[in-house]
Amino acid sequence: MGPIGRLSRVFHHLTRRMGETFARHGLNAAGFDVLATLRRSPPPHALSPGELMSSMMITSGTMTNRVDQLAKAGLVTRRSDARDARRAVVELTDEGHKLIDAALADHVETQKSLLTVLSSDEIAQLDAALFKLMKAAEDS
């Protein structure tokens, strides 16, 4: 099978487990990514759609769809930027803030549980090897 086949299988299992974690909070991976990106931004946890797109490396159409779904669920709002009324920002609502905090905590626990079969040294070696592989793939 080789390393690429194993990476593919591991990716499948990790994606499934993380998807289950997100689903417990009523989210999918796409929604989780938007909410987590907003949560990492400084208070008031608001970014322009362009900043979100740049951070997440997705198209404007994809971002619009994701934000629309999260706004419909009451997890984010769109508003004018207080510093520049011509600029729109997407901001976490109180409900969105509570949800992403709970989902992030659960996500961290899921990640920890996925790595319990490895020692600290093995995790460090895996991280270094995957980083090297990722950089080579991105640079080609």
C-alpha atoms as a PDB file:
ATOM      1  CA  MET A   1       0.000   0.000   0.000  1.00  0.00           C
ATOM      2  CA  GLY A   2       2.788   2.421   0.830  1.00  0.00           C
ATOM      3  CA  PRO A   3       2.803   5.722   2.670  1.00  0.00           C
ATOM      4  CA  ILE A   4       0.446   7.593   0.328  1.00  0.00           C
ATOM      5  CA  GLY A   5      -2.197   4.885   0.599  1.00  0.00           C
ATOM      6  CA  ARG A   6      -1.867   4.915   4.391  1.00  0.00           C
ATOM      7  CA  LEU A   7      -2.119   8.713   4.457  1.00  0.00           C
ATOM      8  CA  SER A   8      -5.277   8.488   2.382  1.00  0.00           C
ATOM      9  CA  ARG A   9      -6.837   5.915   4.717  1.00  0.00           C
ATOM     10  CA  VAL A  10      -5.822   7.858   7.831  1.00  0.00           C
ATOM     11  CA  PHE A  11      -7.247  11.047   6.294  1.00  0.00           C
ATOM     12  CA  HIS A  12     -10.547   9.255   5.676  1.00  0.00           C
ATOM     13  CA  HIS A  13     -10.775   8.054   9.286  1.00  0.00           C
ATOM     14  CA  LEU A  14      -9.717  11.403  10.768  1.00  0.00           C
ATOM     15  CA  THR A  15     -12.205  13.288   8.600  1.00  0.00           C
ATOM     16  CA  ARG A  16     -15.005  10.944   9.661  1.00  0.00           C
ATOM     17  CA  ARG A  17     -14.196  11.290  13.367  1.00  0.00           C
ATOM     18  CA  MET A  18     -13.907  15.062  13.205  1.00  0.00           C
ATOM     19  CA  GLY A  19     -17.135  15.239  11.196  1.00  0.00           C
ATOM     20  CA  GLU A  20     -18.864  13.290  13.961  1.00  0.00           C
ATOM     21  CA  THR A  21     -17.526  15.798  16.484  1.00  0.00           C
ATOM     22  CA  PHE A  22     -18.807  18.755  14.454  1.00  0.00           C
ATOM     23  CA  ALA A  23     -22.184  17.065  13.944  1.00  0.00           C
ATOM     24  CA  ARG A  24     -22.672  16.755  17.717  1.00  0.00           C
ATOM     25  CA  HIS A  25     -22.740  20.557  17.687  1.00  0.00           C
ATOM     26  CA  GLY A  26     -24.988  20.845  14.628  1.00  0.00           C
ATOM     27  CA  LEU A  27     -22.079  21.822  12.377  1.00  0.00           C
ATOM     28  CA  ASN A  28     -20.253  20.484   9.373  1.00  0.00           C
ATOM     29  CA  ALA A  29     -16.535  20.998   8.706  1.00  0.00           C
ATOM     30  CA  ALA A  30     -17.179  24.092   6.560  1.00  0.00           C
ATOM     31  CA  GLY A  31     -19.274  25.824   9.212  1.00  0.00           C
ATOM     32  CA  PHE A  32     -16.814  24.868  11.930  1.00  0.00           C
ATOM     33  CA  ASP A  33     -13.959  26.403   9.914  1.00  0.00           C
ATOM     34  CA  VAL A  34     -15.745  29.752   9.506  1.00  0.00           C
ATOM     35  CA  LEU A  35     -16.763  29.946  13.169  1.00  0.00           C
ATOM     36  CA  ALA A  36     -13.294  28.892  14.370  1.00  0.00           C
ATOM     37  CA  THR A  37     -11.643  31.478  12.103  1.00  0.00           C
ATOM     38  CA  LEU A  38     -13.895  34.206  13.521  1.00  0.00           C
ATOM     39  CA  ARG A  39     -13.249  32.988  17.077  1.00  0.00           C
ATOM     40  CA  ARG A  40      -9.470  33.235  16.563  1.00  0.00           C
ATOM     41  CA  SER A  41      -9.790  36.859  15.436  1.00  0.00           C
ATOM     42  CA  PRO A  42      -9.503  39.564  18.110  1.00  0.00           C
ATOM     43  CA  PRO A  43     -12.700  40.736  19.854  1.00  0.00           C
ATOM     44  CA  PRO A  44     -15.362  41.446  18.690  1.00  0.00           C
ATOM     45  CA  HIS A  45     -14.547  38.323  16.609  1.00  0.00           C
ATOM     46  CA  ALA A  46     -15.493  39.972  13.318  1.00  0.00           C
ATOM     47  CA  LEU A  47     -13.782  39.810   9.924  1.00  0.00           C
ATOM     48  CA  SER A  48     -14.657  41.050   6.469  1.00  0.00           C
ATOM     49  CA  PRO A  49     -15.706  38.400   3.964  1.00  0.00           C
ATOM     50  CA  GLY A  50     -12.430  39.088   2.136  1.00  0.00           C
ATOM     51  CA  GLU A  51     -10.393  38.472   5.288  1.00  0.00           C
ATOM     52  CA  LEU A  52     -12.280  35.237   5.881  1.00  0.00           C
ATOM     53  CA  MET A  53     -11.716  34.121   2.268  1.00  0.00           C
ATOM     54  CA  SER A  54      -8.013  34.908   2.468  1.00  0.00           C
ATOM     55  CA  SER A  55      -7.591  33.104   5.767  1.00  0.00           C
ATOM     56  CA  MET A  56      -9.526  30.050   4.616  1.00  0.00           C
ATOM     57  CA  MET A  57      -8.369  30.052   0.965  1.00  0.00           C
ATOM     58  CA  ILE A  58     -11.862  29.670  -0.524  1.00  0.00           C
ATOM     59  CA  THR A  59     -13.777  31.509  -3.255  1.00  0.00           C
ATOM     60  CA  SER A  60     -16.203  34.366  -2.666  1.00  0.00           C
ATOM     61  CA  GLY A  61     -19.152  32.215  -3.755  1.00  0.00           C
ATOM     62  CA  THR A  62     -18.208  29.496  -1.295  1.00  0.00           C
ATOM     63  CA  MET A  63     -17.769  32.053   1.492  1.00  0.00           C
ATOM     64  CA  THR A  64     -21.130  33.679   0.744  1.00  0.00           C
ATOM     65  CA  ASN A  65     -22.861  30.303   0.933  1.00  0.00           C
ATOM     66  CA  ARG A  66     -21.173  29.380   4.216  1.00  0.00           C
ATOM     67  CA  VAL A  67     -21.940  32.736   5.827  1.00  0.00           C
ATOM     68  CA  ASP A  68     -25.558  32.602   4.595  1.00  0.00           C
ATOM     69  CA  GLN A  69     -26.048  29.196   6.240  1.00  0.00           C
ATOM     70  CA  LEU A  70     -24.462  30.312   9.518  1.00  0.00           C
ATOM     71  CA  ALA A  71     -26.483  33.555   9.536  1.00  0.00           C
ATOM     72  CA  LYS A  72     -29.682  31.589   8.921  1.00  0.00           C
ATOM     73  CA  ALA A  73     -28.796  29.453  11.966  1.00  0.00           C
ATOM     74  CA  GLY A  74     -28.243  32.598  14.067  1.00  0.00           C
ATOM     75  CA  LEU A  75     -24.529  31.913  14.588  1.00  0.00           C
ATOM     76  CA  VAL A  76     -23.148  34.958  12.735  1.00  0.00           C
ATOM     77  CA  THR A  77     -24.423  38.343  11.645  1.00  0.00           C
ATOM     78  CA  ARG A  78     -23.409  40.666   8.842  1.00  0.00           C
ATOM     79  CA  ARG A  79     -23.053  44.315   9.727  1.00  0.00           C
ATOM     80  CA  SER A  80     -21.298  47.467   8.603  1.00  0.00           C
ATOM     81  CA  ASP A  81     -17.815  47.991   9.974  1.00  0.00           C
ATOM     82  CA  ALA A  82     -17.914  50.637  12.722  1.00  0.00           C
ATOM     83  CA  ARG A  83     -14.693  52.164  11.326  1.00  0.00           C
ATOM     84  CA  ASP A  84     -15.809  52.191   7.677  1.00  0.00           C
ATOM     85  CA  ALA A  85     -19.532  51.931   6.874  1.00  0.00           C
ATOM     86  CA  ARG A  86     -18.704  50.948   3.271  1.00  0.00           C
ATOM     87  CA  ARG A  87     -17.123  47.758   4.549  1.00  0.00           C
ATOM     88  CA  ALA A  88     -19.142  44.770   5.753  1.00  0.00           C
ATOM     89  CA  VAL A  89     -18.003  42.379   8.456  1.00  0.00           C
ATOM     90  CA  VAL A  90     -19.168  38.966   9.599  1.00  0.00           C
ATOM     91  CA  GLU A  91     -19.377  38.662  13.377  1.00  0.00           C
ATOM     92  CA  LEU A  92     -20.069  35.833  15.793  1.00  0.00           C
ATOM     93  CA  THR A  93     -23.376  36.143  17.635  1.00  0.00           C
ATOM     94  CA  ASP A  94     -23.546  35.235  21.329  1.00  0.00           C
ATOM     95  CA  GLU A  95     -25.036  31.897  20.282  1.00  0.00           C
ATOM     96  CA  GLY A  96     -22.264  31.377  17.720  1.00  0.00           C
ATOM     97  CA  HIS A  97     -19.628  32.232  20.317  1.00  0.00           C
ATOM     98  CA  LYS A  98     -21.006  29.687  22.803  1.00  0.00           C
ATOM     99  CA  LEU A  99     -21.369  27.024  20.124  1.00  0.00           C
ATOM    100  CA  ILE A 100     -17.858  27.382  18.710  1.00  0.00           C
ATOM    101  CA  ASP A 101     -16.291  27.401  22.174  1.00  0.00           C
ATOM    102  CA  ALA A 102     -18.017  24.096  22.962  1.00  0.00           C
ATOM    103  CA  ALA A 103     -17.214  22.649  19.531  1.00  0.00           C
ATOM    104  CA  LEU A 104     -13.555  23.703  19.790  1.00  0.00           C
ATOM    105  CA  ALA A 105     -13.190  22.048  23.196  1.00  0.00           C
ATOM    106  CA  ASP A 106     -14.744  18.863  21.823  1.00  0.00           C
ATOM    107  CA  HIS A 107     -12.557  19.074  18.699  1.00  0.00           C
ATOM    108  CA  VAL A 108      -9.380  19.315  20.808  1.00  0.00           C
ATOM    109  CA  GLU A 109     -10.446  16.215  22.756  1.00  0.00           C
ATOM    110  CA  THR A 110     -11.142  14.357  19.502  1.00  0.00           C
ATOM    111  CA  GLN A 111      -7.701  15.273  18.193  1.00  0.00           C
ATOM    112  CA  LYS A 112      -6.076  14.106  21.431  1.00  0.00           C
ATOM    113  CA  SER A 113      -7.944  10.802  21.312  1.00  0.00           C
ATOM    114  CA  LEU A 114      -6.853  10.233  17.712  1.00  0.00           C
ATOM    115  CA  LEU A 115      -3.204  10.574  18.714  1.00  0.00           C
ATOM    116  CA  THR A 116      -3.237   8.470  21.890  1.00  0.00           C
ATOM    117  CA  VAL A 117      -1.643   5.522  20.068  1.00  0.00           C
ATOM    118  CA  LEU A 118       1.521   7.603  19.525  1.00  0.00           C
ATOM    119  CA  SER A 119       4.180   8.655  22.022  1.00  0.00           C
ATOM    120  CA  SER A 120       5.210  12.316  22.312  1.00  0.00           C
ATOM    121  CA  ASP A 121       8.341  11.561  20.296  1.00  0.00           C
ATOM    122  CA  GLU A 122       6.323   9.813  17.592  1.00  0.00           C
ATOM    123  CA  ILE A 123       3.921  12.760  17.394  1.00  0.00           C
ATOM    124  CA  ALA A 124       6.873  15.150  16.978  1.00  0.00           C
ATOM    125  CA  GLN A 125       8.410  12.941  14.270  1.00  0.00           C
ATOM    126  CA  LEU A 126       5.083  12.600  12.466  1.00  0.00           C
ATOM    127  CA  ASP A 127       4.494  16.341  12.637  1.00  0.00           C
ATOM    128  CA  ALA A 128       7.944  17.089  11.203  1.00  0.00           C
ATOM    129  CA  ALA A 129       7.575  14.538   8.402  1.00  0.00           C
ATOM    130  CA  LEU A 130       4.067  15.713   7.482  1.00  0.00           C
ATOM    131  CA  PHE A 131       5.195  19.351   7.516  1.00  0.00           C
ATOM    132  CA  LYS A 132       8.043  18.491   5.133  1.00  0.00           C
ATOM    133  CA  LEU A 133       5.670  16.567   2.854  1.00  0.00           C
ATOM    134  CA  MET A 134       3.078  19.370   2.944  1.00  0.00           C
ATOM    135  CA  LYS A 135       5.655  22.046   2.048  1.00  0.00           C
ATOM    136  CA  ALA A 136       6.966  19.969  -0.860  1.00  0.00           C
ATOM    137  CA  ALA A 137       3.433  19.416  -2.167  1.00  0.00           C
ATOM    138  CA  GLU A 138       2.528  23.105  -1.830  1.00  0.00           C
ATOM    139  CA  ASP A 139       5.743  24.265  -3.497  1.00  0.00           C
ATOM    140  CA  SER A 140       5.337  22.020  -6.536  1.00  0.00           C
END
